[in-house]
Amino acid sequence: MIKEQTIFLITMLFNLIIATIKLLTGIIFGFSSLMADSLQSYTDFITDIISMIASKVGKKRANKKYPFGYGMIENISNLFIGLFLIILSIFIFIHSFSTSTPIISPMIFIILVITIFLKTMIILILYHYGKKNHNQSMIVSAKESSTDLISTSIVLIVGILLLFKDQFPILKHADMIGSILISLIIFYIAITIIIENITYLLGSSEENKELLTKIEEIIKQHSLIKDSHIKLMKTGTYYHLYLTIELEDTITLKQLVKLDNQLKKEIKQLPLKIRFIEIEPKQYH
């Protein structure tokens, strides 16, 4: 099994190479939207570093000082990523109005096609392992990489439009419009990341239907439970389960303790990471 840190290191290396190639190409040919796209790629490299550190810290065991573990560090780091992207989007938006008409060369299109292919592979890898390991930082990094893929596609379209600038003079502004679009896309993704992670930090319930169904199936296997109420919280890479179970008032203390232990054991065996389980028994009405 490939370790998450190894995946981050590989994607970081590719992001750094892609960003550098795009920046140098943008400078050589005076292509402003490509330079803006390269800045977006450099943020991928920076956010991968942040995500890798947060993922490692978030897996630390709970202790007396932090009884619920370090899972929230991933959400906090993602907030910083979102704020960083907002600043970047504003910078690109302002800079877009000082663009000049770039020199369009076949080399630009070759580089753009190669970077689009590499970026697609990076996104697929991050999403696959992020979903498989329920790693929020890896998923956020994949989303941020998706923004870079979209911005590179916009640059490709801008390059094609600029080929016809002599026939259609209005297309001379395509580079400026492309930079503006890239800044708006980055801004939108940043707001999405911030809202999503603030929701987790505020303690919003997690609507994971697959996990809820499996928990309900476990509960139904115990005849002593007459009714139940489930609240599932996402805490970084793992879940926190609040389970209220309603029981007959004739249940003995020994039966209750045994039931509590059985439920926790069976729920923790589920493939998704439920680290903390709180069970509150109540009298059934």
Protein backbone atom coordinates (compact mmCIF):
# COMPACT_ATOMS: atom_id res chain seq x y z
CA MET A 1 0.00 0.00 0.00
CA ILE A 2 1.37 3.41 -1.02
CA LYS A 3 1.74 5.75 1.97
CA GLU A 4 -0.10 9.07 1.91
CA GLN A 5 3.12 11.02 2.50
CA THR A 6 4.65 9.38 -0.58
CA ILE A 7 1.67 10.44 -2.69
CA PHE A 8 1.97 14.02 -1.45
CA LEU A 9 5.71 14.06 -2.24
CA ILE A 10 5.13 12.78 -5.78
CA THR A 11 2.33 15.30 -6.50
CA MET A 12 4.41 18.11 -4.96
CA LEU A 13 7.31 17.33 -7.29
CA PHE A 14 5.08 17.29 -10.36
CA ASN A 15 3.34 20.53 -9.31
CA LEU A 16 6.68 22.27 -8.89
CA ILE A 17 7.89 21.11 -12.32
CA ILE A 18 4.60 22.07 -14.00
CA ALA A 19 4.52 25.50 -12.36
CA THR A 20 8.13 26.30 -13.31
CA ILE A 21 7.65 25.25 -16.96
CA LYS A 22 4.48 27.34 -17.29
CA LEU A 23 6.05 30.39 -15.63
CA LEU A 24 9.14 30.35 -17.87
CA THR A 25 6.98 29.85 -20.98
CA GLY A 26 4.66 32.68 -19.94
CA ILE A 27 7.61 35.05 -19.38
CA ILE A 28 9.35 34.14 -22.67
CA PHE A 29 6.24 34.66 -24.79
CA GLY A 30 4.67 37.47 -22.72
CA PHE A 31 1.59 35.31 -22.04
CA SER A 32 -0.06 36.87 -18.95
CA SER A 33 -2.82 34.30 -18.49
CA LEU A 34 -0.21 31.52 -18.62
CA MET A 35 1.83 33.33 -15.95
CA ALA A 36 -1.33 33.63 -13.84
CA ASP A 37 -1.90 29.92 -14.40
CA SER A 38 1.67 29.20 -13.26
CA LEU A 39 1.02 31.07 -10.00
CA GLN A 40 -1.97 28.82 -9.48
CA SER A 41 0.31 25.81 -10.03
CA TYR A 42 2.80 27.15 -7.50
CA THR A 43 -0.04 27.38 -4.95
CA ASP A 44 -0.66 23.68 -5.61
CA PHE A 45 2.92 23.03 -4.54
CA ILE A 46 2.53 25.17 -1.41
CA THR A 47 -0.85 23.70 -0.45
CA ASP A 48 0.51 20.17 -0.93
CA ILE A 49 3.20 20.96 1.67
CA ILE A 50 0.56 22.30 4.07
CA SER A 51 -1.72 19.31 3.43
CA MET A 52 1.08 16.81 3.94
CA ILE A 53 2.05 18.34 7.29
CA ALA A 54 -1.59 18.61 8.41
CA SER A 55 -2.29 15.02 7.40
CA LYS A 56 0.66 13.79 9.45
CA VAL A 57 -0.19 15.88 12.52
CA GLY A 58 -3.89 14.99 12.25
CA LYS A 59 -3.12 11.31 12.74
CA LYS A 60 -1.45 11.83 16.12
CA ARG A 61 -3.08 9.94 18.95
CA ALA A 62 -5.40 11.64 21.40
CA ASN A 63 -3.89 12.62 24.74
CA LYS A 64 -4.88 14.34 27.98
CA LYS A 65 -4.44 17.79 26.47
CA TYR A 66 -6.35 16.93 23.29
CA PRO A 67 -8.75 14.09 24.21
CA PHE A 68 -10.43 14.18 20.79
CA GLY A 69 -7.17 14.00 18.87
CA TYR A 70 -5.67 16.37 16.30
CA GLY A 71 -8.12 15.77 13.43
CA MET A 72 -9.28 19.39 13.30
CA ILE A 73 -5.78 20.53 12.27
CA GLU A 74 -6.65 19.48 8.72
CA ASN A 75 -9.72 21.71 8.65
CA ILE A 76 -7.74 24.64 10.10
CA SER A 77 -4.95 24.21 7.52
CA ASN A 78 -7.56 24.07 4.75
CA LEU A 79 -8.92 27.42 5.95
CA PHE A 80 -5.45 28.94 5.49
CA ILE A 81 -5.31 27.42 2.01
CA GLY A 82 -8.66 29.04 1.20
CA LEU A 83 -7.51 32.46 2.46
CA PHE A 84 -4.26 32.15 0.50
CA LEU A 85 -6.22 31.41 -2.68
CA ILE A 86 -8.41 34.49 -2.14
CA ILE A 87 -5.32 36.70 -1.93
CA LEU A 88 -3.92 35.06 -5.07
CA SER A 89 -7.18 35.56 -6.99
CA ILE A 90 -7.24 39.28 -6.11
CA PHE A 91 -3.60 39.70 -7.23
CA ILE A 92 -4.26 37.97 -10.59
CA PHE A 93 -7.46 40.01 -11.14
CA ILE A 94 -5.64 43.34 -10.62
CA HIS A 95 -2.65 42.28 -12.73
CA SER A 96 -4.88 41.13 -15.62
CA PHE A 97 -5.62 44.75 -16.63
CA SER A 98 -1.94 45.42 -17.41
CA THR A 99 -1.55 42.60 -19.94
CA SER A 100 -0.12 42.97 -23.46
CA THR A 101 -0.72 40.84 -26.55
CA PRO A 102 1.47 37.69 -26.26
CA ILE A 103 3.49 35.92 -28.95
CA ILE A 104 1.73 32.67 -29.85
CA SER A 105 4.06 29.77 -30.66
CA PRO A 106 3.38 26.05 -31.31
CA MET A 107 5.61 25.36 -28.30
CA ILE A 108 2.95 26.93 -26.05
CA PHE A 109 0.31 24.45 -27.18
CA ILE A 110 2.65 21.48 -26.74
CA ILE A 111 3.46 22.57 -23.17
CA LEU A 112 -0.19 23.20 -22.32
CA VAL A 113 -1.33 19.76 -23.57
CA ILE A 114 1.44 18.00 -21.61
CA THR A 115 0.66 19.92 -18.40
CA ILE A 116 -3.07 19.22 -18.75
CA PHE A 117 -2.33 15.49 -19.05
CA LEU A 118 0.02 15.48 -16.04
CA LYS A 119 -2.42 17.54 -13.96
CA THR A 120 -5.28 15.16 -14.75
CA MET A 121 -3.18 12.24 -13.52
CA ILE A 122 -2.33 14.09 -10.28
CA ILE A 123 -6.01 14.86 -9.60
CA LEU A 124 -7.08 11.25 -10.19
CA ILE A 125 -4.37 9.96 -7.84
CA LEU A 126 -5.23 12.45 -5.06
CA TYR A 127 -8.99 11.80 -5.29
CA HIS A 128 -8.52 8.03 -5.39
CA TYR A 129 -6.32 7.82 -2.29
CA GLY A 130 -8.17 10.66 -0.55
CA LYS A 131 -11.51 8.84 -0.83
CA LYS A 132 -9.94 5.47 -0.08
CA ASN A 133 -8.24 6.69 3.11
CA HIS A 134 -10.90 9.31 3.98
CA ASN A 135 -8.17 11.94 3.97
CA GLN A 136 -9.75 15.43 3.90
CA SER A 137 -6.45 17.21 3.18
CA MET A 138 -5.78 15.01 0.15
CA ILE A 139 -9.30 15.62 -1.18
CA VAL A 140 -8.92 19.40 -0.73
CA SER A 141 -5.57 19.23 -2.52
CA ALA A 142 -7.29 17.40 -5.39
CA LYS A 143 -9.97 20.11 -5.57
CA GLU A 144 -7.32 22.80 -5.62
CA SER A 145 -5.52 20.89 -8.38
CA SER A 146 -8.80 20.77 -10.31
CA THR A 147 -8.77 24.57 -10.30
CA ASP A 148 -5.32 24.51 -11.87
CA LEU A 149 -6.54 22.09 -14.54
CA ILE A 150 -9.46 24.38 -15.39
CA SER A 151 -7.22 27.46 -15.50
CA THR A 152 -4.75 25.69 -17.82
CA SER A 153 -7.65 24.71 -20.10
CA ILE A 154 -8.71 28.37 -20.20
CA VAL A 155 -5.16 29.35 -21.21
CA LEU A 156 -5.31 26.78 -24.02
CA ILE A 157 -8.58 28.29 -25.29
CA VAL A 158 -7.09 31.80 -25.02
CA GLY A 159 -4.08 30.67 -27.06
CA ILE A 160 -6.36 29.31 -29.79
CA LEU A 161 -8.40 32.55 -29.88
CA LEU A 162 -5.24 34.65 -30.16
CA LEU A 163 -4.37 32.81 -33.39
CA PHE A 164 -7.25 34.72 -34.98
CA LYS A 165 -6.54 38.15 -33.48
CA ASP A 166 -5.57 39.62 -36.88
CA GLN A 167 -8.90 38.62 -38.43
CA PHE A 168 -10.88 39.62 -35.33
CA PRO A 169 -9.19 42.55 -33.48
CA ILE A 170 -11.43 42.09 -30.43
CA LEU A 171 -9.61 38.83 -29.70
CA LYS A 172 -6.50 40.83 -28.74
CA HIS A 173 -8.15 41.14 -25.31
CA ALA A 174 -8.46 37.36 -24.91
CA ASP A 175 -5.35 37.20 -22.70
CA MET A 176 -6.78 39.78 -20.30
CA ILE A 177 -10.17 38.06 -20.19
CA GLY A 178 -8.47 34.70 -19.61
CA SER A 179 -6.56 36.08 -16.60
CA ILE A 180 -9.77 37.54 -15.15
CA LEU A 181 -11.58 34.21 -15.56
CA ILE A 182 -8.72 32.37 -13.83
CA SER A 183 -8.86 34.79 -10.88
CA LEU A 184 -12.65 34.33 -10.55
CA ILE A 185 -12.37 30.53 -10.63
CA ILE A 186 -9.66 30.56 -7.96
CA PHE A 187 -11.82 32.88 -5.83
CA TYR A 188 -14.84 30.56 -6.16
CA ILE A 189 -12.84 27.46 -5.17
CA ALA A 190 -11.34 29.35 -2.21
CA ILE A 191 -14.77 30.34 -0.89
CA THR A 192 -16.00 26.74 -1.32
CA ILE A 193 -13.04 25.36 0.67
CA ILE A 194 -13.49 27.95 3.45
CA ILE A 195 -17.25 27.34 3.83
CA GLU A 196 -16.83 23.55 3.84
CA ASN A 197 -14.14 23.59 6.53
CA ILE A 198 -15.88 26.20 8.70
CA THR A 199 -18.89 23.87 8.64
CA TYR A 200 -16.75 21.03 10.01
CA LEU A 201 -15.16 23.25 12.67
CA LEU A 202 -18.58 24.42 13.86
CA GLY A 203 -19.58 20.81 14.42
CA SER A 204 -22.02 20.20 11.60
CA SER A 205 -23.37 16.68 11.31
CA GLU A 206 -21.90 14.55 8.55
CA GLU A 207 -24.41 13.21 6.01
CA ASN A 208 -22.59 9.99 5.14
CA LYS A 209 -25.53 7.80 4.13
CA GLU A 210 -23.39 4.72 3.55
CA LEU A 211 -21.88 4.89 7.03
CA LEU A 212 -25.21 5.71 8.70
CA THR A 213 -26.83 2.71 7.02
CA LYS A 214 -24.10 0.36 8.28
CA ILE A 215 -24.44 1.70 11.83
CA GLU A 216 -28.22 1.23 11.69
CA GLU A 217 -27.73 -2.37 10.52
CA ILE A 218 -25.49 -3.07 13.52
CA ILE A 219 -28.05 -1.57 15.91
CA LYS A 220 -30.89 -3.68 14.45
CA GLN A 221 -29.00 -6.86 15.33
CA HIS A 222 -29.42 -6.11 19.05
CA SER A 223 -32.90 -6.96 20.29
CA LEU A 224 -32.43 -4.99 23.54
CA ILE A 225 -32.44 -1.73 21.56
CA LYS A 226 -35.98 -0.54 20.86
CA ASP A 227 -35.09 2.76 19.19
CA SER A 228 -32.00 4.85 18.44
CA HIS A 229 -30.87 8.32 17.37
CA ILE A 230 -27.58 8.75 15.49
CA LYS A 231 -25.45 11.89 15.17
CA LEU A 232 -22.27 11.62 13.12
CA MET A 233 -19.59 14.31 13.24
CA LYS A 234 -16.60 14.64 10.89
CA THR A 235 -13.35 15.47 12.70
CA GLY A 236 -10.51 15.78 10.21
CA THR A 237 -9.86 12.32 8.75
CA TYR A 238 -12.13 10.44 11.16
CA TYR A 239 -15.64 10.46 12.62
CA HIS A 240 -17.16 11.07 16.03
CA LEU A 241 -20.36 9.15 16.73
CA TYR A 242 -23.03 10.22 19.24
CA LEU A 243 -25.48 7.37 19.69
CA THR A 244 -28.59 7.54 21.84
CA ILE A 245 -30.22 4.14 22.39
CA GLU A 246 -33.63 3.58 23.99
CA LEU A 247 -33.94 0.41 26.08
CA GLU A 248 -36.58 -1.37 28.12
CA ASP A 249 -36.45 -0.37 31.79
CA THR A 250 -36.08 -4.06 32.71
CA ILE A 251 -32.53 -4.25 31.32
CA THR A 252 -29.88 -5.11 33.91
CA LEU A 253 -26.63 -3.22 34.47
CA LYS A 254 -24.64 -6.26 33.33
CA GLN A 255 -26.62 -6.42 30.08
CA LEU A 256 -26.14 -2.69 29.53
CA VAL A 257 -22.36 -2.85 29.97
CA LYS A 258 -22.12 -5.83 27.65
CA LEU A 259 -24.28 -4.10 25.03
CA ASP A 260 -22.18 -0.94 25.21
CA ASN A 261 -18.95 -2.89 24.67
CA GLN A 262 -20.41 -4.92 21.81
CA LEU A 263 -21.71 -1.85 19.99
CA LYS A 264 -18.40 -0.01 20.23
CA LYS A 265 -16.46 -3.04 19.08
CA GLU A 266 -18.71 -3.70 16.08
CA ILE A 267 -18.89 -0.06 15.00
CA LYS A 268 -15.11 0.41 15.20
CA GLN A 269 -14.67 -2.56 12.85
CA LEU A 270 -16.38 -0.62 10.05
CA PRO A 271 -14.04 0.35 7.17
CA LEU A 272 -14.53 4.09 7.78
CA LYS A 273 -12.60 5.63 10.66
CA ILE A 274 -14.88 6.12 13.68
CA ARG A 275 -12.44 6.99 16.42
CA PHE A 276 -14.76 8.29 19.16
CA ILE A 277 -18.06 6.68 20.12
CA GLU A 278 -20.35 8.03 22.82
CA ILE A 279 -23.38 5.93 23.71
CA GLU A 280 -26.17 7.34 25.86
CA PRO A 281 -28.80 4.82 27.06
CA LYS A 282 -32.32 6.01 27.78
CA GLN A 283 -35.56 4.40 28.96
CA TYR A 284 -37.80 3.38 26.08
CA HIS A 285 -41.24 5.04 25.95
